[in-house]
Protein backbone atom coordinates (compact mmCIF):
# COMPACT_ATOMS: atom_id res chain seq x y z
CA UNK A 1 20.99 -12.94 10.64
CA UNK A 2 20.35 -10.10 13.26
CA UNK A 3 20.23 -10.93 16.88
CA UNK A 4 16.45 -9.89 16.79
CA UNK A 5 15.69 -12.31 13.94
CA UNK A 6 17.63 -15.00 15.69
CA UNK A 7 15.42 -14.17 18.72
CA UNK A 8 12.27 -14.45 16.52
CA UNK A 9 13.25 -17.58 15.00
CA UNK A 10 13.90 -19.44 18.20
CA UNK A 11 10.58 -17.93 19.84
CA UNK A 12 8.77 -19.32 16.92
CA UNK A 13 10.23 -22.95 16.89
CA UNK A 14 9.26 -22.94 20.48
CA UNK A 15 5.69 -23.10 19.60
CA UNK A 16 6.23 -26.75 18.38
CA UNK A 17 7.44 -28.35 21.56
CA UNK A 18 5.15 -31.41 22.48
CA UNK A 19 2.67 -30.57 25.27
CA UNK A 20 2.18 -34.24 26.19
CA UNK A 21 4.63 -37.38 26.49
CA UNK A 22 6.48 -38.19 23.31
CA UNK A 23 4.99 -41.75 23.22
CA UNK A 24 1.54 -40.53 23.16
CA UNK A 25 2.39 -37.96 20.65
CA UNK A 26 3.78 -40.61 18.40
CA UNK A 27 0.82 -42.81 18.52
CA UNK A 28 -1.71 -40.18 17.79
CA UNK A 29 0.46 -38.87 15.03
CA UNK A 30 0.74 -42.31 13.55
CA UNK A 31 -2.99 -43.12 13.88
CA UNK A 32 -3.84 -39.76 12.25
CA UNK A 33 -1.40 -40.28 9.39
CA UNK A 34 -2.60 -44.00 8.85
CA UNK A 35 -6.21 -42.53 8.53
CA UNK A 36 -5.10 -39.95 5.90
CA UNK A 37 -3.17 -42.27 3.96
CA UNK A 38 -6.00 -45.01 3.94
CA UNK A 39 -8.47 -42.36 2.61
CA UNK A 40 -5.92 -41.39 0.00
CA UNK A 41 -5.60 -45.00 -0.93
CA UNK A 42 -9.40 -45.65 -1.53
CA UNK A 43 -9.54 -42.21 -3.55
CA UNK A 44 -7.06 -43.35 -5.72
CA UNK A 45 -8.26 -46.84 -6.15
CA UNK A 46 -11.84 -46.13 -6.76
CA UNK A 47 -12.75 -42.35 -7.37
CA UNK A 48 -14.00 -41.70 -10.89
CA UNK A 49 -11.63 -38.75 -11.56
CA UNK A 50 -8.55 -40.98 -10.98
CA UNK A 51 -6.57 -38.50 -8.64
CA UNK A 52 -2.99 -38.34 -8.51
CA UNK A 53 -1.11 -38.61 -4.86
CA UNK A 54 0.31 -34.99 -5.13
CA UNK A 55 -3.08 -33.40 -5.59
CA UNK A 56 -4.65 -35.26 -2.85
CA UNK A 57 -1.70 -34.34 -0.55
CA UNK A 58 -2.03 -30.59 -1.42
CA UNK A 59 -5.67 -30.89 -0.99
CA UNK A 60 -5.33 -32.66 2.56
CA UNK A 61 -2.87 -29.81 3.50
CA UNK A 62 -5.43 -26.95 2.39
CA UNK A 63 -8.28 -28.65 4.01
CA UNK A 64 -6.08 -28.60 7.41
CA UNK A 65 -5.64 -25.02 6.76
CA UNK A 66 -9.26 -24.36 6.09
CA UNK A 67 -10.18 -25.51 9.39
CA UNK A 68 -8.23 -22.78 11.22
CA UNK A 69 -10.49 -20.00 10.31
CA UNK A 70 -7.46 -17.92 9.21
CA UNK A 71 -7.69 -15.79 6.24
CA UNK A 72 -3.99 -15.66 6.01
CA UNK A 73 -3.12 -19.45 6.03
CA UNK A 74 -2.04 -20.63 2.76
CA UNK A 75 0.12 -23.58 1.11
CA UNK A 76 2.52 -22.91 -1.44
CA UNK A 77 4.17 -25.37 -3.87
CA UNK A 78 8.01 -25.18 -4.32
CA UNK A 79 7.22 -22.89 -7.79
CA UNK A 80 4.68 -20.80 -5.78
CA UNK A 81 7.01 -20.19 -2.67
CA UNK A 82 9.81 -19.21 -5.00
CA UNK A 83 7.44 -16.59 -7.04
CA UNK A 84 6.05 -15.31 -3.58
CA UNK A 85 9.38 -14.55 -2.06
CA UNK A 86 10.53 -13.16 -5.41
CA UNK A 87 7.83 -10.75 -5.99
CA UNK A 88 7.98 -9.63 -2.34
CA UNK A 89 11.65 -8.95 -2.81
CA UNK A 90 11.31 -7.26 -6.26
CA UNK A 91 13.19 -10.01 -7.92
CA UNK A 92 11.44 -10.72 -11.32
CA UNK A 93 11.81 -11.84 -14.73
CA UNK A 94 10.58 -9.78 -17.62
CA UNK A 95 11.28 -6.77 -19.76
CA UNK A 96 11.19 -3.73 -17.23
CA UNK A 97 7.97 -2.02 -17.62
CA UNK A 98 4.94 -1.34 -15.32
CA UNK A 99 1.65 -1.85 -17.06
CA UNK A 100 -1.65 -0.45 -16.19
CA UNK A 101 -5.24 -1.29 -17.60
CA UNK A 102 -6.47 1.14 -20.26
CA UNK A 103 -9.97 1.65 -21.94
CA UNK A 104 -9.47 -1.17 -24.28
CA UNK A 105 -5.47 -1.95 -24.27
CA UNK A 106 -3.08 -1.76 -21.34
CA UNK A 107 -0.61 0.83 -21.42
CA UNK A 108 3.06 1.39 -20.02
CA UNK A 109 2.87 3.30 -16.68
CA UNK A 110 6.43 3.29 -16.11
CA UNK A 111 9.88 2.26 -17.61
CA UNK A 112 12.57 0.98 -15.21
CA UNK A 113 16.09 2.32 -15.98
CA UNK A 114 18.53 -0.09 -17.11
CA UNK A 115 16.13 -2.66 -18.35
CA UNK A 116 15.56 -4.25 -21.81
CA UNK A 117 12.59 -1.96 -22.24
CA UNK A 118 14.30 1.20 -21.66
CA UNK A 119 17.14 0.15 -24.12
CA UNK A 120 14.86 -0.76 -26.88
CA UNK A 121 12.93 2.59 -26.42
CA UNK A 122 9.72 1.71 -24.65
CA UNK A 123 8.08 4.83 -23.61
CA UNK A 124 5.84 5.69 -20.78
CA UNK A 125 2.15 6.07 -22.32
CA UNK A 126 2.76 3.36 -25.15
CA UNK A 127 -0.44 1.50 -25.58
CA UNK A 128 0.34 -2.37 -25.96
CA UNK A 129 -2.01 -3.70 -28.38
CA UNK A 130 -0.64 -7.15 -29.06
CA UNK A 131 1.72 -9.54 -27.31
CA UNK A 132 3.63 -11.94 -29.50
CA UNK A 133 1.14 -11.16 -32.15
CA UNK A 134 -1.86 -11.71 -29.94
CA UNK A 135 -4.22 -8.88 -29.50
CA UNK A 136 -4.70 -7.53 -26.07
CA UNK A 137 -8.11 -5.88 -26.56
CA UNK A 138 -10.36 -6.92 -23.91
CA UNK A 139 -7.87 -9.22 -21.99
CA UNK A 140 -7.51 -8.96 -18.35
CA UNK A 141 -4.35 -7.12 -17.26
CA UNK A 142 -2.97 -10.17 -15.24
CA UNK A 143 -3.13 -12.34 -18.39
CA UNK A 144 -1.16 -9.51 -20.55
CA UNK A 145 1.46 -9.47 -17.93
CA UNK A 146 1.85 -13.05 -17.47
CA UNK A 147 2.44 -13.23 -21.39
CA UNK A 148 5.05 -10.36 -21.16
CA UNK A 149 6.85 -11.82 -18.23
CA UNK A 150 8.98 -15.12 -18.83
CA UNK A 151 12.28 -16.82 -18.22
CA UNK A 152 15.56 -14.90 -18.42
CA UNK A 153 17.02 -15.21 -21.95
CA UNK A 154 13.91 -15.54 -23.78
CA UNK A 155 12.31 -13.14 -26.13
CA UNK A 156 8.88 -11.42 -26.44
CA UNK A 157 7.42 -8.97 -28.91
CA UNK A 158 5.21 -6.26 -28.09
CA UNK A 159 3.05 -4.29 -30.68
CA UNK A 160 3.12 -0.79 -29.70
CA UNK A 161 0.86 2.13 -30.47
CA UNK A 162 2.31 5.64 -29.79
CA UNK A 163 0.20 8.32 -31.29
CA UNK A 164 -0.54 7.53 -34.82
CA UNK A 165 2.27 4.99 -35.16
CA UNK A 166 2.21 1.10 -34.58
CA UNK A 167 5.51 -0.49 -34.30
CA UNK A 168 6.72 -4.21 -32.93
CA UNK A 169 9.55 -4.04 -30.49
CA UNK A 170 11.19 -7.41 -29.59
CA UNK A 171 12.76 -7.79 -26.11
CA UNK A 172 15.19 -10.11 -24.64
CA UNK A 173 13.75 -11.01 -21.05
CA UNK A 174 16.05 -10.26 -18.23
CA UNK A 175 16.56 -10.79 -14.28
CA UNK A 176 15.22 -7.46 -12.94
CA UNK A 177 15.32 -6.00 -9.46
CA UNK A 178 12.55 -3.67 -8.96
CA UNK A 179 13.27 -1.30 -5.95
CA UNK A 180 10.49 -0.99 -3.36
CA UNK A 181 11.49 2.30 -2.30
CA UNK A 182 11.42 5.61 -4.52
CA UNK A 183 12.39 9.21 -3.38
CA UNK A 184 12.46 12.77 -4.73
CA UNK A 185 12.92 16.08 -3.07
CA UNK A 186 9.73 18.53 -3.26
CA UNK A 187 9.42 21.90 -3.03
CA UNK A 188 10.37 23.69 0.44
CA UNK A 189 13.24 21.02 0.88
CA UNK A 190 10.57 18.34 1.66
CA UNK A 191 11.88 14.84 1.06
CA UNK A 192 9.28 12.17 -0.26
CA UNK A 193 10.03 8.55 0.10
CA UNK A 194 7.32 5.78 -1.27
CA UNK A 195 7.75 2.26 0.04
CA UNK A 196 5.80 -0.14 -2.18
CA UNK A 197 6.37 -3.36 0.23
CA UNK A 198 8.61 -4.54 2.85
CA UNK A 199 11.11 -6.93 1.31
CA UNK A 200 14.59 -8.19 2.02
CA UNK A 201 16.31 -5.04 0.82
CA UNK A 202 13.83 -2.29 1.70
CA UNK A 203 15.40 -1.42 4.92
CA UNK A 204 18.74 -0.63 3.16
CA UNK A 205 17.05 1.01 0.30
CA UNK A 206 15.14 3.27 2.80
CA UNK A 207 18.38 4.25 4.84
CA UNK A 208 20.03 5.15 1.68
CA UNK A 209 17.03 7.50 0.43
CA UNK A 210 17.02 9.14 3.78
CA UNK A 211 20.55 9.73 3.92
CA UNK A 212 20.72 11.03 0.30
CA UNK A 213 17.74 13.46 1.15
CA UNK A 214 19.63 14.60 4.22
CA UNK A 215 22.70 15.31 2.08
CA UNK A 216 20.67 17.47 -0.27
CA UNK A 217 19.25 19.75 2.60
CA UNK A 218 16.15 17.93 3.48
CA UNK A 219 14.10 19.82 6.15
CA UNK A 220 10.85 17.69 6.41
CA UNK A 221 9.83 14.24 5.14
CA UNK A 222 6.82 12.42 3.88
CA UNK A 223 6.66 8.61 3.96
CA UNK A 224 4.15 7.17 1.59
CA UNK A 225 2.81 3.76 2.81
CA UNK A 226 -0.46 3.88 0.57
CA UNK A 227 -1.23 0.75 -1.12
CA UNK A 228 1.63 -1.13 0.83
CA UNK A 229 0.36 -4.47 1.93
CA UNK A 230 3.26 -5.37 4.32
CA UNK A 231 6.08 -8.05 4.02
CA UNK A 232 8.70 -8.66 6.53
CA UNK A 233 8.22 -7.45 10.01
CA UNK A 234 12.09 -7.19 10.29
CA UNK A 235 12.30 -4.58 7.67
CA UNK A 236 9.73 -2.34 9.39
CA UNK A 237 11.72 -2.75 12.64
CA UNK A 238 14.91 -1.84 10.85
CA UNK A 239 13.44 1.23 9.26
CA UNK A 240 12.26 2.50 12.53
CA UNK A 241 15.80 2.34 13.97
CA UNK A 242 16.35 5.39 11.83
CA UNK A 243 13.85 7.52 14.00
CA UNK A 244 13.45 5.92 17.43
CA UNK A 245 15.61 6.09 20.40
CA UNK A 246 17.88 2.73 20.71
CA UNK A 247 15.57 0.23 22.84
CA UNK A 248 12.35 1.60 21.93
CA UNK A 249 9.41 -0.85 21.65
CA UNK A 250 8.29 -0.99 18.12
CA UNK A 251 5.56 -3.59 18.46
CA UNK A 252 4.54 -6.41 21.07
CA UNK A 253 3.72 -9.58 19.71
CA UNK A 254 1.17 -12.01 21.44
CA UNK A 255 1.38 -15.75 20.85
CA UNK A 256 -1.29 -18.67 21.15
CA UNK A 257 -0.48 -19.05 24.97
CA UNK A 258 -0.74 -15.04 25.63
CA UNK A 259 2.92 -14.56 26.25
CA UNK A 260 3.81 -11.19 25.20
CA UNK A 261 7.21 -10.54 23.64
CA UNK A 262 8.52 -6.83 22.95
CA UNK A 263 10.51 -5.97 19.80
CA UNK A 264 12.87 -3.16 20.35
CA UNK A 265 15.05 -1.07 18.27
CA UNK A 266 18.77 -1.98 18.18
CA UNK A 267 20.28 0.72 15.98
CA UNK A 268 21.19 4.27 16.85
CA UNK A 269 18.65 6.85 15.26
CA UNK A 270 20.03 9.36 12.55
CA UNK A 271 16.78 11.24 11.78
CA UNK A 272 16.35 13.77 14.48
CA UNK A 273 13.99 16.67 14.88
CA UNK A 274 12.72 16.52 11.36
CA UNK A 275 8.75 16.88 10.91
CA UNK A 276 7.38 13.90 9.39
CA UNK A 277 4.25 13.02 7.61
CA UNK A 278 3.09 9.38 6.76
CA UNK A 279 0.33 8.78 4.00
CA UNK A 280 -1.72 5.70 4.58
CA UNK A 281 -5.02 4.39 3.04
CA UNK A 282 -7.24 1.47 3.55
CA UNK A 283 -4.80 -0.72 1.58
CA UNK A 284 -1.99 -0.08 4.01
CA UNK A 285 -1.59 -3.09 6.01
CA UNK A 286 0.56 -5.20 8.26
CA UNK A 287 3.98 -4.21 8.59
CA UNK A 288 3.00 -0.84 7.00
CA UNK A 289 0.64 -0.28 9.95
CA UNK A 290 3.30 -1.27 12.50
CA UNK A 291 5.65 1.45 11.07
CA UNK A 292 2.74 3.96 10.97
CA UNK A 293 1.83 3.22 14.52
CA UNK A 294 5.30 3.44 16.04
CA UNK A 295 5.88 6.86 14.50
CA UNK A 296 2.47 7.98 15.56
CA UNK A 297 2.72 6.69 18.98
CA UNK A 298 5.98 8.13 19.76
CA UNK A 299 4.78 11.47 18.32
CA UNK A 300 7.34 11.23 15.64
CA UNK A 301 4.86 11.94 12.54
CA UNK A 302 1.36 12.82 11.71
CA UNK A 303 -0.89 10.22 9.88
CA UNK A 304 -2.62 11.57 6.83
CA UNK A 305 -4.95 9.74 4.66
CA UNK A 306 -7.69 7.12 5.18
CA UNK A 307 -8.18 4.56 8.11
CA UNK A 308 -5.55 1.78 7.52
CA UNK A 309 -6.65 -1.91 6.66
CA UNK A 310 -6.42 -3.30 10.29
CA UNK A 311 -4.29 -6.36 9.78
CA UNK A 312 -3.00 -6.73 13.59
CA UNK A 313 -1.79 -10.36 13.12
CA UNK A 314 1.59 -11.70 12.11
CA UNK A 315 2.22 -15.00 9.77
CA UNK A 316 5.22 -16.94 9.67
CA UNK A 317 6.29 -19.05 6.36
CA UNK A 318 7.39 -22.75 7.45
CA UNK A 319 9.42 -24.62 4.92
CA UNK A 320 8.53 -28.04 4.14
CA UNK A 321 10.29 -31.28 3.09
CA UNK A 322 9.06 -31.14 -0.57
CA UNK A 323 10.35 -27.64 -1.09
CA UNK A 324 7.02 -25.94 -0.43
CA UNK A 325 5.80 -23.76 2.56
CA UNK A 326 2.76 -23.16 4.58
CA UNK A 327 1.80 -19.61 5.80
CA UNK A 328 -0.50 -19.18 9.03
CA UNK A 329 -0.94 -16.83 11.64
CA UNK A 330 1.15 -17.14 14.93
CA UNK A 331 0.97 -14.01 16.62
CA UNK A 332 -1.22 -10.90 17.07
CA UNK A 333 0.38 -7.48 17.70
CA UNK A 334 -0.15 -4.43 19.82
CA UNK A 335 1.21 -0.96 19.02
CA UNK A 336 3.47 0.57 21.37
CA UNK A 337 0.60 2.43 23.12
CA UNK A 338 -0.81 -1.09 23.54
CA UNK A 339 -3.62 -0.85 20.85
CA UNK A 340 -4.82 -3.92 19.08
CA UNK A 341 -5.57 -2.47 15.63
CA UNK A 342 -6.83 -5.92 14.06
CA UNK A 343 -9.96 -5.32 12.07
CA UNK A 344 -10.04 -1.61 13.35
CA UNK A 345 -6.96 0.00 11.74
CA UNK A 346 -5.21 3.28 12.38
CA UNK A 347 -7.14 6.42 12.19
CA UNK A 348 -5.19 9.46 10.67
CA UNK A 349 -4.64 12.53 12.46
CA UNK A 350 -5.91 14.33 9.17
CA UNK A 351 -8.58 12.60 7.14
CA UNK A 352 -7.96 13.21 3.47
CA UNK A 353 -10.06 10.97 1.28
CA UNK A 354 -9.36 12.55 -2.17
CA UNK A 355 -6.59 10.49 -3.09
CA UNK A 356 -5.02 13.12 -5.72
CA UNK A 357 -4.78 15.56 -2.59
CA UNK A 358 -3.14 13.57 -0.09
CA UNK A 359 0.57 14.02 -0.84
CA UNK A 360 -0.01 17.70 -1.38
CA UNK A 361 -2.01 17.98 1.95
CA UNK A 362 0.80 16.21 3.66
CA UNK A 363 3.11 19.05 2.25
CA UNK A 364 0.77 21.62 3.52
CA UNK A 365 0.78 20.35 7.00
CA UNK A 366 4.50 20.31 7.08
CA UNK A 367 4.74 24.02 5.74
CA UNK A 368 2.01 25.70 8.05
CA UNK A 369 3.81 28.99 7.04
CA UNK A 370 2.19 28.63 3.78
CA UNK A 371 -1.43 29.27 3.43
CA UNK A 372 -3.53 26.69 1.00
CA UNK A 373 -3.69 28.08 -2.45
CA UNK A 374 -5.87 26.19 -4.85
CA UNK A 375 -5.97 27.27 -8.67
CA UNK A 376 -8.31 25.71 -11.15
CA UNK A 377 -9.55 26.35 -14.71
CA UNK A 378 -13.57 25.51 -14.86
CA UNK A 379 -14.45 22.76 -17.47
CA UNK A 380 -10.74 21.61 -17.62
CA UNK A 381 -8.25 19.11 -15.83
CA UNK A 382 -5.54 21.80 -14.96
CA UNK A 383 -5.70 22.14 -11.10
CA UNK A 384 -2.61 23.37 -9.09
CA UNK A 385 -2.40 23.18 -5.18
CA UNK A 386 0.31 25.22 -3.66
CA UNK A 387 1.58 25.55 -7.28
CA UNK A 388 1.94 21.97 -8.01
CA UNK A 389 -0.19 20.17 -10.31
CA UNK A 390 -2.69 17.60 -8.97
CA UNK A 391 -4.36 14.79 -11.01
CA UNK A 392 -7.82 16.33 -10.11
CA UNK A 393 -10.58 17.52 -12.14
CA UNK A 394 -12.93 20.19 -10.23
CA UNK A 395 -16.05 20.69 -12.26
CA UNK A 396 -18.39 23.52 -11.69
CA UNK A 397 -22.14 23.22 -11.76
CA UNK A 398 -24.23 26.05 -12.44
CA UNK A 399 -27.92 25.99 -11.17
CA UNK A 400 -30.58 28.40 -10.22
CA UNK A 401 -28.22 31.44 -10.95
CA UNK A 402 -25.72 29.82 -8.30
CA UNK A 403 -22.25 28.21 -8.92
CA UNK A 404 -21.46 25.18 -7.22
CA UNK A 405 -18.10 23.32 -6.39
CA UNK A 406 -17.36 19.63 -5.34
CA UNK A 407 -17.41 19.86 -1.71
CA UNK A 408 -14.74 17.49 -0.44
CA UNK A 409 -11.84 18.27 -2.94
CA UNK A 410 -12.16 21.80 -2.26
CA UNK A 411 -12.57 21.79 1.62
CA UNK A 412 -9.75 18.93 1.80
CA UNK A 413 -7.33 21.31 -0.33
CA UNK A 414 -8.02 23.88 2.47
CA UNK A 415 -7.11 21.35 5.05
CA UNK A 416 -10.64 20.79 6.65
CA UNK A 417 -11.62 17.49 7.23
CA UNK A 418 -14.97 16.12 5.80
CA UNK A 419 -17.15 13.39 7.28
CA UNK A 420 -20.35 12.61 5.32
CA UNK A 421 -22.80 10.08 6.80
CA UNK A 422 -26.49 9.59 6.47
CA UNK A 423 -26.93 12.85 4.44
CA UNK A 424 -25.06 15.06 7.18
CA UNK A 425 -21.62 16.40 6.37
CA UNK A 426 -19.64 17.36 9.41
CA UNK A 427 -16.63 19.81 8.80
CA UNK A 428 -13.77 19.76 10.80
CA UNK A 429 -10.68 22.01 11.21
CA UNK A 430 -8.07 20.02 13.27
CA UNK A 431 -10.03 18.70 16.18
CA UNK A 432 -12.60 21.58 16.13
CA UNK A 433 -15.97 21.04 14.66
CA UNK A 434 -16.54 23.79 12.15
CA UNK A 435 -19.94 23.39 10.95
CA UNK A 436 -22.59 20.67 9.89
CA UNK A 437 -24.51 20.52 6.60
CA UNK A 438 -27.34 18.65 5.11
CA UNK A 439 -27.49 17.49 1.91
CA UNK A 440 -31.17 17.51 2.37
CA UNK A 441 -31.26 21.49 2.83
CA UNK A 442 -31.87 22.29 -1.08
CA UNK A 443 -31.10 26.01 0.05
CA UNK A 444 -27.58 24.91 0.59
CA UNK A 445 -25.79 21.98 -0.77
CA UNK A 446 -26.28 20.17 -4.04
CA UNK A 447 -26.28 16.47 -4.39
CA UNK A 448 -25.37 15.29 -8.00
CA UNK A 449 -24.54 11.53 -8.78
CA UNK A 450 -23.72 11.00 -4.93
CA UNK A 451 -21.28 13.91 -5.03
CA UNK A 452 -21.99 16.90 -2.70
CA UNK A 453 -21.49 20.33 -4.22
CA UNK A 454 -21.21 23.35 -2.16
CA UNK A 455 -22.44 27.05 -3.60
CA UNK A 456 -19.19 29.03 -4.23
CA UNK A 457 -20.52 31.97 -2.06
CA UNK A 458 -21.07 29.63 0.86
CA UNK A 459 -17.20 29.17 1.02
CA UNK A 460 -16.74 32.54 2.78
CA UNK A 461 -18.47 30.66 5.83
CA UNK A 462 -15.18 28.66 5.94
CA UNK A 463 -12.98 31.54 5.69
CA UNK A 464 -11.96 30.87 2.09
CA UNK A 465 -11.38 33.73 -0.24
CA UNK A 466 -12.34 33.34 -3.90
CA UNK A 467 -10.60 35.19 -6.72
CA UNK A 468 -12.35 34.81 -10.17
CA UNK A 469 -10.95 35.66 -13.65
CA UNK A 470 -12.93 34.54 -16.64
CA UNK A 471 -12.73 30.76 -16.04
CA UNK A 472 -9.96 30.62 -13.70
CA UNK A 473 -10.85 30.15 -9.80
CA UNK A 474 -8.17 30.91 -7.08
CA UNK A 475 -9.02 29.87 -3.61
CA UNK A 476 -7.11 30.77 -0.44
CA UNK A 477 -7.56 30.13 3.20
CA UNK A 478 -5.79 32.16 5.82
CA UNK A 479 -4.81 29.64 8.55
CA UNK A 480 -4.85 31.33 12.01
């Protein structure tokens, strides 16, 4: 246990020191317990449903938590707390596939290396049409996943459709650790690290990823915190040790008495002088926001994407004598600059609301020497930004002898920021307002299915050059 964690534990325990004489506390506790037990006795004796004692106890606990007006307060049974911590730490029992909902049946989005699924030849894109002989058509994804998972050593049979073929694959379930960190080297020696959650091994996995990329010649770094709902605060602080000067305040926590405690970095940074971009969205929350805010406040990174969730409070999980636990809010936190982001979130430096473009726009901002270059085939999902394929469909509408392109993805790919409110679209370049457009002006934009389209000929107003050959469009912008 680190010194910082010891400090936090003792700080937390201090919250439970009595604030009135011990004798009075004991009498009050005794009276309250007697009333609760009395009500339970009556319910067990006379209620028509014949409730059992455990259900009433759990209900009483949840009732107390419900009075707190704390959306994060929760009771866990012994089994639930084990599942919660296992999921956070990436420790699961199953076959080693990541599954996504399809049109009718779920499909395999990814196969984890070294798992039963990989060994038995399950492939990315396989449709799962049945589990143990039961059709998955129309079932909720969570129900299918629950059927595939199961205790280590047991078997499950998946019926797979691959192209025109159907086959049954029987798999032995195993204990599987799913890493919360994935990394790759992008073009231009730009490292990319995706962090899915902050579990017990995340900081170590992150350190290893950074060092491996450095050894491979990394010159810039993208940290992807999109859809990361948080986890252990300690993990986020340890990861920031890699970047911030030793002793830097990562976050200040404030307890229910208004006492402020600063949590500082303890390690020596080994990432220096490296341009960094952090990807966030509206599901980036809690420990993810702490990490993003610290890197932003210290000028270590540019934040790209959408405004974050805004969870500026910290919970602790308290073990109970029955093996269960309760989770509730014990602190609010402030960023290094003193900002309270609860229910507000962190605003990015560069708004990019088109999900498929966020990673590539981050790359563009880290490579200002390369002007944005967008190439697409009208009528086909074949789009390249800076030579890299993006999962985007840019459809062209032709009306009244004019060709129109979807405004947001086109301008965002060219490093503009687009803000749409009440029919008025404001286009920004950096912090400068370039132009205001109105969807009510029929001589300009076109509004179709709540999507704004801009005439191709109007792109010159944004200094975007257009080359067209047959159905191929190439858009470039010369960045000053």
